[in-house]
């Protein structure tokens, strides 16, 4: 886990994204237990209620589930769900934005493809 550094986004969202990243990168495997909200609170020096809000966001999305009296766990299929979500975000944030800018600059799709290939080689 790294420190939370983005002051522009709510802390609970940063907690949720940190957990998502750990699942995507397979630092947290499906059916494995995630740290408790108190552990997140101590590690990040935040209020446990704030940490719980981030965890509960993922529960609401079906990424985590609670085993009563034991803790929170990564749901089966969570990584696939997150990968699809992130791919869609990637498309919206980068591809759509890139296509709009390319259109403004008169860059053809062939030129854009060449640029992407060139970037992949570097």
PDB file of N, CA and C in Angstrom:
ATOM      1  N   UNK A   1       0.833  -1.195   0.000  1.00  0.00           N
ATOM      2  CA  UNK A   1       0.000   0.000   0.000  1.00  0.00           C
ATOM      3  C   UNK A   1       0.871   1.250   0.000  1.00  0.00           C
ATOM      4  N   UNK A   2       0.459   2.232  -0.752  1.00  0.00           N
ATOM      5  CA  UNK A   2       1.162   3.502  -0.763  1.00  0.00           C
ATOM      6  C   UNK A   2       0.350   4.545  -0.029  1.00  0.00           C
ATOM      7  N   UNK A   3       0.952   5.669   0.186  1.00  0.00           N
ATOM      8  CA  UNK A   3       0.249   6.741   0.876  1.00  0.00           C
ATOM      9  C   UNK A   3      -0.772   7.380  -0.043  1.00  0.00           C
ATOM     10  N   UNK A   4      -1.792   7.962   0.566  1.00  0.00           N
ATOM     11  CA  UNK A   4      -2.796   8.689  -0.195  1.00  0.00           C
ATOM     12  C   UNK A   4      -2.236  10.076  -0.462  1.00  0.00           C
ATOM     13  N   UNK A   5      -2.229  10.489  -1.714  1.00  0.00           N
ATOM     14  CA  UNK A   5      -1.574  11.760  -2.031  1.00  0.00           C
ATOM     15  C   UNK A   5      -2.422  12.719  -2.841  1.00  0.00           C
ATOM     16  N   UNK A   6      -3.578  12.282  -3.313  1.00  0.00           N
ATOM     17  CA  UNK A   6      -4.396  13.128  -4.178  1.00  0.00           C
ATOM     18  C   UNK A   6      -5.378  13.932  -3.340  1.00  0.00           C
ATOM     19  N   UNK A   7      -5.037  15.184  -3.080  1.00  0.00           N
ATOM     20  CA  UNK A   7      -5.883  16.029  -2.251  1.00  0.00           C
ATOM     21  C   UNK A   7      -7.167  16.464  -2.946  1.00  0.00           C
ATOM     22  N   UNK A   8      -7.268  16.222  -4.238  1.00  0.00           N
ATOM     23  CA  UNK A   8      -8.438  16.672  -4.991  1.00  0.00           C
ATOM     24  C   UNK A   8      -9.596  15.678  -4.961  1.00  0.00           C
ATOM     25  N   UNK A   9      -9.348  14.461  -4.498  1.00  0.00           N
ATOM     26  CA  UNK A   9     -10.391  13.436  -4.463  1.00  0.00           C
ATOM     27  C   UNK A   9     -10.643  13.008  -3.032  1.00  0.00           C
ATOM     28  N   UNK A  10     -11.897  12.700  -2.709  1.00  0.00           N
ATOM     29  CA  UNK A  10     -12.202  12.269  -1.342  1.00  0.00           C
ATOM     30  C   UNK A  10     -11.358  11.061  -0.925  1.00  0.00           C
ATOM     31  N   UNK A  11     -10.970  11.044   0.334  1.00  0.00           N
ATOM     32  CA  UNK A  11     -10.109   9.977   0.853  1.00  0.00           C
ATOM     33  C   UNK A  11     -10.758   8.612   0.698  1.00  0.00           C
ATOM     34  N   UNK A  12     -12.079   8.521   0.958  1.00  0.00           N
ATOM     35  CA  UNK A  12     -12.728   7.217   0.858  1.00  0.00           C
ATOM     36  C   UNK A  12     -12.637   6.654  -0.565  1.00  0.00           C
ATOM     37  N   UNK A  13     -12.674   7.524  -1.576  1.00  0.00           N
ATOM     38  CA  UNK A  13     -12.539   7.071  -2.960  1.00  0.00           C
ATOM     39  C   UNK A  13     -11.114   6.589  -3.232  1.00  0.00           C
ATOM     40  N   UNK A  14     -10.143   7.248  -2.607  1.00  0.00           N
ATOM     41  CA  UNK A  14      -8.752   6.831  -2.771  1.00  0.00           C
ATOM     42  C   UNK A  14      -8.518   5.463  -2.122  1.00  0.00           C
ATOM     43  N   UNK A  15      -9.173   5.226  -0.978  1.00  0.00           N
ATOM     44  CA  UNK A  15      -9.084   3.918  -0.312  1.00  0.00           C
ATOM     45  C   UNK A  15      -9.656   2.841  -1.237  1.00  0.00           C
ATOM     46  N   UNK A  16     -10.833   3.100  -1.794  1.00  0.00           N
ATOM     47  CA  UNK A  16     -11.476   2.137  -2.697  1.00  0.00           C
ATOM     48  C   UNK A  16     -10.582   1.862  -3.901  1.00  0.00           C
ATOM     49  N   UNK A  17      -9.998   2.911  -4.479  1.00  0.00           N
ATOM     50  CA  UNK A  17      -9.141   2.735  -5.647  1.00  0.00           C
ATOM     51  C   UNK A  17      -7.877   1.955  -5.294  1.00  0.00           C
ATOM     52  N   UNK A  18      -7.347   2.187  -4.109  1.00  0.00           N
ATOM     53  CA  UNK A  18      -6.150   1.449  -3.654  1.00  0.00           C
ATOM     54  C   UNK A  18      -6.459  -0.043  -3.572  1.00  0.00           C
ATOM     55  N   UNK A  19      -7.623  -0.377  -3.027  1.00  0.00           N
ATOM     56  CA  UNK A  19      -8.034  -1.786  -2.938  1.00  0.00           C
ATOM     57  C   UNK A  19      -8.239  -2.348  -4.346  1.00  0.00           C
ATOM     58  N   UNK A  20      -8.908  -1.576  -5.200  1.00  0.00           N
ATOM     59  CA  UNK A  20      -9.108  -1.999  -6.593  1.00  0.00           C
ATOM     60  C   UNK A  20      -7.766  -2.302  -7.262  1.00  0.00           C
ATOM     61  N   UNK A  21      -6.798  -1.404  -7.093  1.00  0.00           N
ATOM     62  CA  UNK A  21      -5.474  -1.592  -7.693  1.00  0.00           C
ATOM     63  C   UNK A  21      -4.823  -2.872  -7.181  1.00  0.00           C
ATOM     64  N   UNK A  22      -4.943  -3.106  -5.881  1.00  0.00           N
ATOM     65  CA  UNK A  22      -4.348  -4.316  -5.302  1.00  0.00           C
ATOM     66  C   UNK A  22      -5.000  -5.575  -5.875  1.00  0.00           C
ATOM     67  N   UNK A  23      -6.301  -5.516  -6.152  1.00  0.00           N
ATOM     68  CA  UNK A  23      -6.997  -6.665  -6.751  1.00  0.00           C
ATOM     69  C   UNK A  23      -6.554  -6.839  -8.202  1.00  0.00           C
ATOM     70  N   UNK A  24      -6.519  -5.745  -8.964  1.00  0.00           N
ATOM     71  CA  UNK A  24      -6.107  -5.814 -10.368  1.00  0.00           C
ATOM     72  C   UNK A  24      -4.680  -6.339 -10.499  1.00  0.00           C
ATOM     73  N   UNK A  25      -3.786  -5.864  -9.623  1.00  0.00           N
ATOM     74  CA  UNK A  25      -2.376  -6.269  -9.662  1.00  0.00           C
ATOM     75  C   UNK A  25      -2.139  -7.604  -8.961  1.00  0.00           C
ATOM     76  N   UNK A  26      -3.213  -8.221  -8.487  1.00  0.00           N
ATOM     77  CA  UNK A  26      -3.199  -9.513  -7.814  1.00  0.00           C
ATOM     78  C   UNK A  26      -2.417  -9.521  -6.517  1.00  0.00           C
ATOM     79  N   UNK A  27      -2.324  -8.358  -5.878  1.00  0.00           N
ATOM     80  CA  UNK A  27      -1.789  -8.284  -4.523  1.00  0.00           C
ATOM     81  C   UNK A  27      -2.840  -8.773  -3.532  1.00  0.00           C
ATOM     82  N   UNK A  28      -4.099  -8.626  -3.916  1.00  0.00           N
ATOM     83  CA  UNK A  28      -5.231  -9.192  -3.173  1.00  0.00           C
ATOM     84  C   UNK A  28      -5.936 -10.156  -4.123  1.00  0.00           C
ATOM     85  N   UNK A  29      -5.956 -11.420  -3.764  1.00  0.00           N
ATOM     86  CA  UNK A  29      -6.567 -12.433  -4.620  1.00  0.00           C
ATOM     87  C   UNK A  29      -8.035 -12.621  -4.263  1.00  0.00           C
ATOM     88  N   UNK A  30      -8.803 -13.115  -5.225  1.00  0.00           N
ATOM     89  CA  UNK A  30     -10.210 -13.390  -4.983  1.00  0.00           C
ATOM     90  C   UNK A  30     -10.339 -14.380  -3.833  1.00  0.00           C
ATOM     91  N   UNK A  31     -11.325 -14.130  -2.997  1.00  0.00           N
ATOM     92  CA  UNK A  31     -11.616 -14.912  -1.789  1.00  0.00           C
ATOM     93  C   UNK A  31     -10.605 -14.692  -0.662  1.00  0.00           C
ATOM     94  N   UNK A  32      -9.656 -13.756  -0.843  1.00  0.00           N
ATOM     95  CA  UNK A  32      -8.731 -13.446   0.249  1.00  0.00           C
ATOM     96  C   UNK A  32      -9.302 -12.300   1.086  1.00  0.00           C
ATOM     97  N   UNK A  33      -8.869 -12.248   2.324  1.00  0.00           N
ATOM     98  CA  UNK A  33      -9.350 -11.216   3.239  1.00  0.00           C
ATOM     99  C   UNK A  33      -8.615  -9.908   2.987  1.00  0.00           C
ATOM    100  N   UNK A  34      -9.367  -8.808   3.045  1.00  0.00           N
ATOM    101  CA  UNK A  34      -8.755  -7.486   2.905  1.00  0.00           C
ATOM    102  C   UNK A  34      -8.509  -6.925   4.305  1.00  0.00           C
ATOM    103  N   UNK A  35      -7.580  -5.967   4.421  1.00  0.00           N
ATOM    104  CA  UNK A  35      -7.358  -5.362   5.740  1.00  0.00           C
ATOM    105  C   UNK A  35      -8.657  -4.781   6.297  1.00  0.00           C
ATOM    106  N   UNK A  36      -8.738  -4.721   7.598  1.00  0.00           N
ATOM    107  CA  UNK A  36      -9.932  -4.172   8.248  1.00  0.00           C
ATOM    108  C   UNK A  36      -9.954  -2.650   8.096  1.00  0.00           C
ATOM    109  N   UNK A  37     -11.124  -2.083   8.304  1.00  0.00           N
ATOM    110  CA  UNK A  37     -11.226  -0.621   8.229  1.00  0.00           C
ATOM    111  C   UNK A  37     -10.330   0.030   9.288  1.00  0.00           C
ATOM    112  N   UNK A  38     -10.179  -0.620  10.430  1.00  0.00           N
ATOM    113  CA  UNK A  38      -9.283  -0.077  11.464  1.00  0.00           C
ATOM    114  C   UNK A  38      -7.830  -0.125  11.007  1.00  0.00           C
ATOM    115  N   UNK A  39      -7.442  -1.188  10.299  1.00  0.00           N
ATOM    116  CA  UNK A  39      -6.076  -1.265   9.775  1.00  0.00           C
ATOM    117  C   UNK A  39      -5.836  -0.161   8.736  1.00  0.00           C
ATOM    118  N   UNK A  40      -6.810   0.057   7.854  1.00  0.00           N
ATOM    119  CA  UNK A  40      -6.697   1.154   6.881  1.00  0.00           C
ATOM    120  C   UNK A  40      -6.587   2.491   7.611  1.00  0.00           C
ATOM    121  N   UNK A  41      -7.419   2.670   8.640  1.00  0.00           N
ATOM    122  CA  UNK A  41      -7.442   3.933   9.383  1.00  0.00           C
ATOM    123  C   UNK A  41      -6.096   4.215  10.031  1.00  0.00           C
ATOM    124  N   UNK A  42      -5.502   3.199  10.642  1.00  0.00           N
ATOM    125  CA  UNK A  42      -4.194   3.364  11.286  1.00  0.00           C
ATOM    126  C   UNK A  42      -3.118   3.640  10.241  1.00  0.00           C
ATOM    127  N   UNK A  43      -3.110   2.829   9.172  1.00  0.00           N
ATOM    128  CA  UNK A  43      -2.078   2.957   8.139  1.00  0.00           C
ATOM    129  C   UNK A  43      -2.101   4.334   7.491  1.00  0.00           C
ATOM    130  N   UNK A  44      -3.304   4.812   7.150  1.00  0.00           N
ATOM    131  CA  UNK A  44      -3.425   6.087   6.448  1.00  0.00           C
ATOM    132  C   UNK A  44      -3.675   7.271   7.385  1.00  0.00           C
ATOM    133  N   UNK A  45      -3.758   6.984   8.659  1.00  0.00           N
ATOM    134  CA  UNK A  45      -4.027   8.021   9.676  1.00  0.00           C
ATOM    135  C   UNK A  45      -5.300   8.794   9.343  1.00  0.00           C
ATOM    136  N   UNK A  46      -6.374   8.029   9.170  1.00  0.00           N
ATOM    137  CA  UNK A  46      -7.684   8.607   8.871  1.00  0.00           C
ATOM    138  C   UNK A  46      -8.722   8.042   9.831  1.00  0.00           C
ATOM    139  N   UNK A  47      -9.892   8.612   9.814  1.00  0.00           N
ATOM    140  CA  UNK A  47     -10.997   8.150  10.631  1.00  0.00           C
ATOM    141  C   UNK A  47     -11.473   6.787  10.121  1.00  0.00           C
ATOM    142  N   UNK A  48     -11.716   5.817  11.034  1.00  0.00           N
ATOM    143  CA  UNK A  48     -12.214   4.507  10.598  1.00  0.00           C
ATOM    144  C   UNK A  48     -13.514   4.594   9.783  1.00  0.00           C
ATOM    145  N   UNK A  49     -14.353   5.576  10.071  1.00  0.00           N
ATOM    146  CA  UNK A  49     -15.602   5.741   9.315  1.00  0.00           C
ATOM    147  C   UNK A  49     -15.310   6.090   7.851  1.00  0.00           C
ATOM    148  N   UNK A  50     -14.247   6.853   7.625  1.00  0.00           N
ATOM    149  CA  UNK A  50     -13.845   7.205   6.263  1.00  0.00           C
ATOM    150  C   UNK A  50     -13.347   5.964   5.521  1.00  0.00           C
ATOM    151  N   UNK A  51     -12.547   5.166   6.203  1.00  0.00           N
ATOM    152  CA  UNK A  51     -12.058   3.919   5.609  1.00  0.00           C
ATOM    153  C   UNK A  51     -13.237   2.994   5.299  1.00  0.00           C
ATOM    154  N   UNK A  52     -14.192   2.911   6.230  1.00  0.00           N
ATOM    155  CA  UNK A  52     -15.371   2.058   6.037  1.00  0.00           C
ATOM    156  C   UNK A  52     -16.179   2.511   4.822  1.00  0.00           C
ATOM    157  N   UNK A  53     -16.246   3.807   4.612  1.00  0.00           N
ATOM    158  CA  UNK A  53     -16.989   4.335   3.460  1.00  0.00           C
ATOM    159  C   UNK A  53     -16.364   3.845   2.149  1.00  0.00           C
ATOM    160  N   UNK A  54     -15.042   3.824   2.079  1.00  0.00           N
ATOM    161  CA  UNK A  54     -14.346   3.332   0.888  1.00  0.00           C
ATOM    162  C   UNK A  54     -14.566   1.845   0.684  1.00  0.00           C
ATOM    163  N   UNK A  55     -14.477   1.077   1.753  1.00  0.00           N
ATOM    164  CA  UNK A  55     -14.690  -0.369   1.682  1.00  0.00           C
ATOM    165  C   UNK A  55     -16.137  -0.659   1.275  1.00  0.00           C
ATOM    166  N   UNK A  56     -17.080   0.052   1.885  1.00  0.00           N
ATOM    167  CA  UNK A  56     -18.495  -0.173   1.584  1.00  0.00           C
ATOM    168  C   UNK A  56     -18.854   0.185   0.147  1.00  0.00           C
ATOM    169  N   UNK A  57     -18.138   1.130  -0.427  1.00  0.00           N
ATOM    170  CA  UNK A  57     -18.329   1.466  -1.835  1.00  0.00           C
ATOM    171  C   UNK A  57     -18.073   0.222  -2.700  1.00  0.00           C
ATOM    172  N   UNK A  58     -17.031  -0.522  -2.347  1.00  0.00           N
ATOM    173  CA  UNK A  58     -16.691  -1.743  -3.088  1.00  0.00           C
ATOM    174  C   UNK A  58     -17.647  -2.887  -2.779  1.00  0.00           C
ATOM    175  N   UNK A  59     -18.194  -2.908  -1.579  1.00  0.00           N
ATOM    176  CA  UNK A  59     -19.215  -3.900  -1.238  1.00  0.00           C
ATOM    177  C   UNK A  59     -20.448  -3.656  -2.106  1.00  0.00           C
ATOM    178  N   UNK A  60     -20.842  -2.388  -2.223  1.00  0.00           N
ATOM    179  CA  UNK A  60     -22.013  -2.019  -3.032  1.00  0.00           C
ATOM    180  C   UNK A  60     -21.837  -2.407  -4.500  1.00  0.00           C
ATOM    181  N   UNK A  61     -20.586  -2.442  -4.967  1.00  0.00           N
ATOM    182  CA  UNK A  61     -20.288  -2.785  -6.364  1.00  0.00           C
ATOM    183  C   UNK A  61     -20.083  -4.291  -6.563  1.00  0.00           C
ATOM    184  N   UNK A  62     -20.154  -5.059  -5.475  1.00  0.00           N
ATOM    185  CA  UNK A  62     -19.967  -6.506  -5.570  1.00  0.00           C
ATOM    186  C   UNK A  62     -18.510  -6.932  -5.668  1.00  0.00           C
ATOM    187  N   UNK A  63     -17.596  -6.018  -5.349  1.00  0.00           N
ATOM    188  CA  UNK A  63     -16.162  -6.318  -5.404  1.00  0.00           C
ATOM    189  C   UNK A  63     -15.709  -7.004  -4.106  1.00  0.00           C
ATOM    190  N   UNK A  64     -16.254  -6.558  -2.996  1.00  0.00           N
ATOM    191  CA  UNK A  64     -15.959  -7.137  -1.682  1.00  0.00           C
ATOM    192  C   UNK A  64     -17.250  -7.666  -1.070  1.00  0.00           C
ATOM    193  N   UNK A  65     -17.111  -8.598  -0.153  1.00  0.00           N
ATOM    194  CA  UNK A  65     -18.270  -9.058   0.614  1.00  0.00           C
ATOM    195  C   UNK A  65     -17.834  -9.310   2.049  1.00  0.00           C
ATOM    196  N   UNK A  66     -18.811  -9.270   2.944  1.00  0.00           N
ATOM    197  CA  UNK A  66     -18.524  -9.410   4.373  1.00  0.00           C
ATOM    198  C   UNK A  66     -18.869 -10.818   4.842  1.00  0.00           C
ATOM    199  N   UNK A  67     -17.941 -11.407   5.591  1.00  0.00           N
ATOM    200  CA  UNK A  67     -18.222 -12.643   6.319  1.00  0.00           C
ATOM    201  C   UNK A  67     -18.446 -12.211   7.757  1.00  0.00           C
ATOM    202  N   UNK A  68     -19.646 -12.358   8.196  1.00  0.00           N
ATOM    203  CA  UNK A  68     -20.036 -11.871   9.513  1.00  0.00           C
ATOM    204  C   UNK A  68     -19.093 -12.382  10.605  1.00  0.00           C
ATOM    205  N   UNK A  69     -18.576 -11.437  11.375  1.00  0.00           N
ATOM    206  CA  UNK A  69     -17.694 -11.767  12.481  1.00  0.00           C
ATOM    207  C   UNK A  69     -16.253 -12.067  12.079  1.00  0.00           C
ATOM    208  N   UNK A  70     -15.970 -12.089  10.773  1.00  0.00           N
ATOM    209  CA  UNK A  70     -14.620 -12.406  10.320  1.00  0.00           C
ATOM    210  C   UNK A  70     -13.965 -11.209   9.633  1.00  0.00           C
ATOM    211  N   UNK A  71     -14.670 -10.613   8.671  1.00  0.00           N
ATOM    212  CA  UNK A  71     -14.107  -9.462   7.966  1.00  0.00           C
ATOM    213  C   UNK A  71     -14.579  -9.387   6.527  1.00  0.00           C
ATOM    214  N   UNK A  72     -13.885  -8.564   5.768  1.00  0.00           N
ATOM    215  CA  UNK A  72     -14.204  -8.352   4.354  1.00  0.00           C
ATOM    216  C   UNK A  72     -13.293  -9.196   3.475  1.00  0.00           C
ATOM    217  N   UNK A  73     -13.877  -9.689   2.382  1.00  0.00           N
ATOM    218  CA  UNK A  73     -13.155 -10.549   1.460  1.00  0.00           C
ATOM    219  C   UNK A  73     -13.385 -10.090   0.022  1.00  0.00           C
ATOM    220  N   UNK A  74     -12.426 -10.435  -0.849  1.00  0.00           N
ATOM    221  CA  UNK A  74     -12.539 -10.130  -2.267  1.00  0.00           C
ATOM    222  C   UNK A  74     -13.501 -11.145  -2.891  1.00  0.00           C
ATOM    223  N   UNK A  75     -14.504 -10.661  -3.588  1.00  0.00           N
ATOM    224  CA  UNK A  75     -15.505 -11.526  -4.211  1.00  0.00           C
ATOM    225  C   UNK A  75     -14.912 -12.284  -5.401  1.00  0.00           C
ATOM    226  N   UNK A  76     -15.456 -13.456  -5.657  1.00  0.00           N
ATOM    227  CA  UNK A  76     -15.093 -14.211  -6.860  1.00  0.00           C
ATOM    228  C   UNK A  76     -15.523 -13.374  -8.068  1.00  0.00           C
ATOM    229  N   UNK A  77     -14.648 -13.286  -9.058  1.00  0.00           N
ATOM    230  CA  UNK A  77     -14.948 -12.509 -10.258  1.00  0.00           C
ATOM    231  C   UNK A  77     -14.666 -11.021 -10.130  1.00  0.00           C
ATOM    232  N   UNK A  78     -14.175 -10.585  -8.975  1.00  0.00           N
ATOM    233  CA  UNK A  78     -13.929  -9.155  -8.732  1.00  0.00           C
ATOM    234  C   UNK A  78     -12.896  -8.583  -9.698  1.00  0.00           C
ATOM    235  N   UNK A  79     -11.837  -9.316  -9.947  1.00  0.00           N
ATOM    236  CA  UNK A  79     -10.776  -8.804 -10.830  1.00  0.00           C
ATOM    237  C   UNK A  79     -11.317  -8.578 -12.238  1.00  0.00           C
ATOM    238  N   UNK A  80     -12.102  -9.519 -12.751  1.00  0.00           N
ATOM    239  CA  UNK A  80     -12.668  -9.381 -14.098  1.00  0.00           C
ATOM    240  C   UNK A  80     -13.602  -8.172 -14.165  1.00  0.00           C
ATOM    241  N   UNK A  81     -14.400  -7.977 -13.134  1.00  0.00           N
ATOM    242  CA  UNK A  81     -15.303  -6.820 -13.079  1.00  0.00           C
ATOM    243  C   UNK A  81     -14.497  -5.530 -13.106  1.00  0.00           C
ATOM    244  N   UNK A  82     -13.444  -5.480 -12.288  1.00  0.00           N
ATOM    245  CA  UNK A  82     -12.614  -4.277 -12.220  1.00  0.00           C
ATOM    246  C   UNK A  82     -11.859  -4.035 -13.524  1.00  0.00           C
ATOM    247  N   UNK A  83     -11.383  -5.092 -14.160  1.00  0.00           N
ATOM    248  CA  UNK A  83     -10.671  -4.930 -15.429  1.00  0.00           C
ATOM    249  C   UNK A  83     -11.594  -4.324 -16.482  1.00  0.00           C
ATOM    250  N   UNK A  84     -12.827  -4.790 -16.549  1.00  0.00           N
ATOM    251  CA  UNK A  84     -13.785  -4.242 -17.513  1.00  0.00           C
ATOM    252  C   UNK A  84     -14.097  -2.784 -17.189  1.00  0.00           C
ATOM    253  N   UNK A  85     -14.279  -2.493 -15.910  1.00  0.00           N
ATOM    254  CA  UNK A  85     -14.556  -1.115 -15.483  1.00  0.00           C
ATOM    255  C   UNK A  85     -13.396  -0.197 -15.867  1.00  0.00           C
ATOM    256  N   UNK A  86     -12.180  -0.630 -15.599  1.00  0.00           N
ATOM    257  CA  UNK A  86     -11.003   0.184 -15.891  1.00  0.00           C
ATOM    258  C   UNK A  86     -10.776   0.337 -17.392  1.00  0.00           C
ATOM    259  N   UNK A  87     -11.070  -0.712 -18.154  1.00  0.00           N
ATOM    260  CA  UNK A  87     -10.934  -0.603 -19.610  1.00  0.00           C
ATOM    261  C   UNK A  87     -11.900   0.449 -20.153  1.00  0.00           C
ATOM    262  N   UNK A  88     -13.111   0.464 -19.630  1.00  0.00           N
ATOM    263  CA  UNK A  88     -14.096   1.453 -20.070  1.00  0.00           C
ATOM    264  C   UNK A  88     -13.648   2.860 -19.670  1.00  0.00           C
ATOM    265  N   UNK A  89     -13.110   2.993 -18.447  1.00  0.00           N
ATOM    266  CA  UNK A  89     -12.584   4.290 -18.009  1.00  0.00           C
ATOM    267  C   UNK A  89     -11.420   4.723 -18.894  1.00  0.00           C
ATOM    268  N   UNK A  90     -10.553   3.782 -19.234  1.00  0.00           N
ATOM    269  CA  UNK A  90      -9.413   4.074 -20.114  1.00  0.00           C
ATOM    270  C   UNK A  90      -9.919   4.599 -21.446  1.00  0.00           C
ATOM    271  N   UNK A  91     -10.908   3.914 -22.000  1.00  0.00           N
ATOM    272  CA  UNK A  91     -11.484   4.338 -23.283  1.00  0.00           C
ATOM    273  C   UNK A  91     -12.016   5.766 -23.182  1.00  0.00           C
ATOM    274  N   UNK A  92     -12.813   6.020 -22.145  1.00  0.00           N
ATOM    275  CA  UNK A  92     -13.412   7.349 -21.991  1.00  0.00           C
ATOM    276  C   UNK A  92     -12.359   8.433 -21.749  1.00  0.00           C
ATOM    277  N   UNK A  93     -11.421   8.161 -20.846  1.00  0.00           N
ATOM    278  CA  UNK A  93     -10.447   9.181 -20.442  1.00  0.00           C
ATOM    279  C   UNK A  93      -9.364   9.427 -21.485  1.00  0.00           C
ATOM    280  N   UNK A  94      -8.930   8.383 -22.156  1.00  0.00           N
ATOM    281  CA  UNK A  94      -7.785   8.526 -23.037  1.00  0.00           C
ATOM    282  C   UNK A  94      -8.141   8.437 -24.521  1.00  0.00           C
ATOM    283  N   UNK A  95      -8.850   7.396 -24.906  1.00  0.00           N
ATOM    284  CA  UNK A  95      -9.113   7.192 -26.328  1.00  0.00           C
ATOM    285  C   UNK A  95     -10.051   8.263 -26.875  1.00  0.00           C
ATOM    286  N   UNK A  96     -11.170   8.480 -26.205  1.00  0.00           N
ATOM    287  CA  UNK A  96     -12.120   9.490 -26.682  1.00  0.00           C
ATOM    288  C   UNK A  96     -11.466  10.869 -26.703  1.00  0.00           C
ATOM    289  N   UNK A  97     -10.751  11.193 -25.641  1.00  0.00           N
ATOM    290  CA  UNK A  97     -10.049  12.481 -25.556  1.00  0.00           C
ATOM    291  C   UNK A  97      -9.005  12.598 -26.672  1.00  0.00           C
ATOM    292  N   UNK A  98      -8.252  11.534 -26.901  1.00  0.00           N
ATOM    293  CA  UNK A  98      -7.226  11.535 -27.938  1.00  0.00           C
ATOM    294  C   UNK A  98      -7.857  11.713 -29.317  1.00  0.00           C
ATOM    295  N   UNK A  99      -8.972  11.029 -29.554  1.00  0.00           N
ATOM    296  CA  UNK A  99      -9.635  11.124 -30.858  1.00  0.00           C
ATOM    297  C   UNK A  99     -10.158  12.541 -31.110  1.00  0.00           C
ATOM    298  N   UNK A 100     -10.703  13.161 -30.084  1.00  0.00           N
ATOM    299  CA  UNK A 100     -11.188  14.541 -30.224  1.00  0.00           C
ATOM    300  C   UNK A 100     -10.039  15.485 -30.563  1.00  0.00           C
ATOM    301  N   UNK A 101      -8.929  15.334 -29.853  1.00  0.00           N
ATOM    302  CA  UNK A 101      -7.771  16.194 -30.088  1.00  0.00           C
ATOM    303  C   UNK A 101      -7.191  15.943 -31.473  1.00  0.00           C
ATOM    304  N   UNK A 102      -7.103  14.682 -31.861  1.00  0.00           N
ATOM    305  CA  UNK A 102      -6.592  14.340 -33.195  1.00  0.00           C
ATOM    306  C   UNK A 102      -7.469  14.964 -34.272  1.00  0.00           C
ATOM    307  N   UNK A 103      -8.775  14.913 -34.059  1.00  0.00           N
ATOM    308  CA  UNK A 103      -9.706  15.503 -35.020  1.00  0.00           C
ATOM    309  C   UNK A 103      -9.487  17.010 -35.135  1.00  0.00           C
ATOM    310  N   UNK A 104      -9.289  17.658 -33.979  1.00  0.00           N
ATOM    311  CA  UNK A 104      -9.031  19.110 -33.976  1.00  0.00           C
ATOM    312  C   UNK A 104      -7.769  19.453 -34.758  1.00  0.00           C
ATOM    313  N   UNK A 105      -6.767  18.580 -34.647  1.00  0.00           N
ATOM    314  CA  UNK A 105      -5.477  18.828 -35.283  1.00  0.00           C
ATOM    315  C   UNK A 105      -5.403  18.297 -36.710  1.00  0.00           C
ATOM    316  N   UNK A 106      -6.474  17.686 -37.180  1.00  0.00           N
ATOM    317  CA  UNK A 106      -6.485  17.159 -38.530  1.00  0.00           C
ATOM    318  C   UNK A 106      -5.635  15.910 -38.699  1.00  0.00           C
ATOM    319  N   UNK A 107      -5.419  15.176 -37.621  1.00  0.00           N
ATOM    320  CA  UNK A 107      -4.639  13.939 -37.671  1.00  0.00           C
ATOM    321  C   UNK A 107      -5.564  12.824 -38.133  1.00  0.00           C
ATOM    322  N   UNK A 108      -5.158  12.136 -39.192  1.00  0.00           N
ATOM    323  CA  UNK A 108      -5.980  11.035 -39.705  1.00  0.00           C
ATOM    324  C   UNK A 108      -5.831   9.814 -38.798  1.00  0.00           C
ATOM    325  N   UNK A 109      -6.760   8.869 -38.931  1.00  0.00           N
ATOM    326  CA  UNK A 109      -6.668   7.650 -38.114  1.00  0.00           C
ATOM    327  C   UNK A 109      -5.404   6.859 -38.468  1.00  0.00           C
ATOM    328  N   UNK A 110      -4.983   6.929 -39.735  1.00  0.00           N
ATOM    329  CA  UNK A 110      -3.739   6.249 -40.146  1.00  0.00           C
ATOM    330  C   UNK A 110      -2.526   6.895 -39.461  1.00  0.00           C
ATOM    331  N   UNK A 111      -2.494   8.231 -39.441  1.00  0.00           N
ATOM    332  CA  UNK A 111      -1.394   8.936 -38.763  1.00  0.00           C
ATOM    333  C   UNK A 111      -1.409   8.626 -37.262  1.00  0.00           C
ATOM    334  N   UNK A 112      -2.582   8.582 -36.695  1.00  0.00           N
ATOM    335  CA  UNK A 112      -2.715   8.298 -35.266  1.00  0.00           C
ATOM    336  C   UNK A 112      -2.222   6.883 -34.955  1.00  0.00           C
ATOM    337  N   UNK A 113      -2.582   5.943 -35.809  1.00  0.00           N
ATOM    338  CA  UNK A 113      -2.111   4.557 -35.643  1.00  0.00           C
ATOM    339  C   UNK A 113      -0.592   4.500 -35.710  1.00  0.00           C
ATOM    340  N   UNK A 114      -0.004   5.238 -36.649  1.00  0.00           N
ATOM    341  CA  UNK A 114       1.456   5.291 -36.757  1.00  0.00           C
ATOM    342  C   UNK A 114       2.077   5.870 -35.482  1.00  0.00           C
ATOM    343  N   UNK A 115       1.457   6.914 -34.945  1.00  0.00           N
ATOM    344  CA  UNK A 115       1.959   7.525 -33.705  1.00  0.00           C
ATOM    345  C   UNK A 115       1.921   6.532 -32.543  1.00  0.00           C
ATOM    346  N   UNK A 116       0.830   5.776 -32.462  1.00  0.00           N
ATOM    347  CA  UNK A 116       0.698   4.775 -31.380  1.00  0.00           C
ATOM    348  C   UNK A 116       1.756   3.688 -31.535  1.00  0.00           C
ATOM    349  N   UNK A 117       1.959   3.231 -32.769  1.00  0.00           N
ATOM    350  CA  UNK A 117       3.012   2.222 -33.010  1.00  0.00           C
ATOM    351  C   UNK A 117       4.380   2.760 -32.636  1.00  0.00           C
ATOM    352  N   UNK A 118       4.642   4.010 -33.009  1.00  0.00           N
ATOM    353  CA  UNK A 118       5.925   4.649 -32.673  1.00  0.00           C
ATOM    354  C   UNK A 118       6.087   4.733 -31.158  1.00  0.00           C
ATOM    355  N   UNK A 119       5.020   5.097 -30.472  1.00  0.00           N
ATOM    356  CA  UNK A 119       5.065   5.187 -29.004  1.00  0.00           C
ATOM    357  C   UNK A 119       5.295   3.853 -28.343  1.00  0.00           C
ATOM    358  N   UNK A 120       4.744   2.796 -28.935  1.00  0.00           N
ATOM    359  CA  UNK A 120       4.905   1.449 -28.373  1.00  0.00           C
ATOM    360  C   UNK A 120       6.347   0.962 -28.474  1.00  0.00           C
ATOM    361  N   UNK A 121       7.076   1.457 -29.487  1.00  0.00           N
ATOM    362  CA  UNK A 121       8.468   1.044 -29.678  1.00  0.00           C
ATOM    363  C   UNK A 121       9.406   1.723 -28.684  1.00  0.00           C
ATOM    364  N   UNK A 122       9.003   2.893 -28.202  1.00  0.00           N
ATOM    365  CA  UNK A 122       9.887   3.673 -27.315  1.00  0.00           C
ATOM    366  C   UNK A 122       9.866   3.177 -25.897  1.00  0.00           C
TER     367      UNK A 122
END
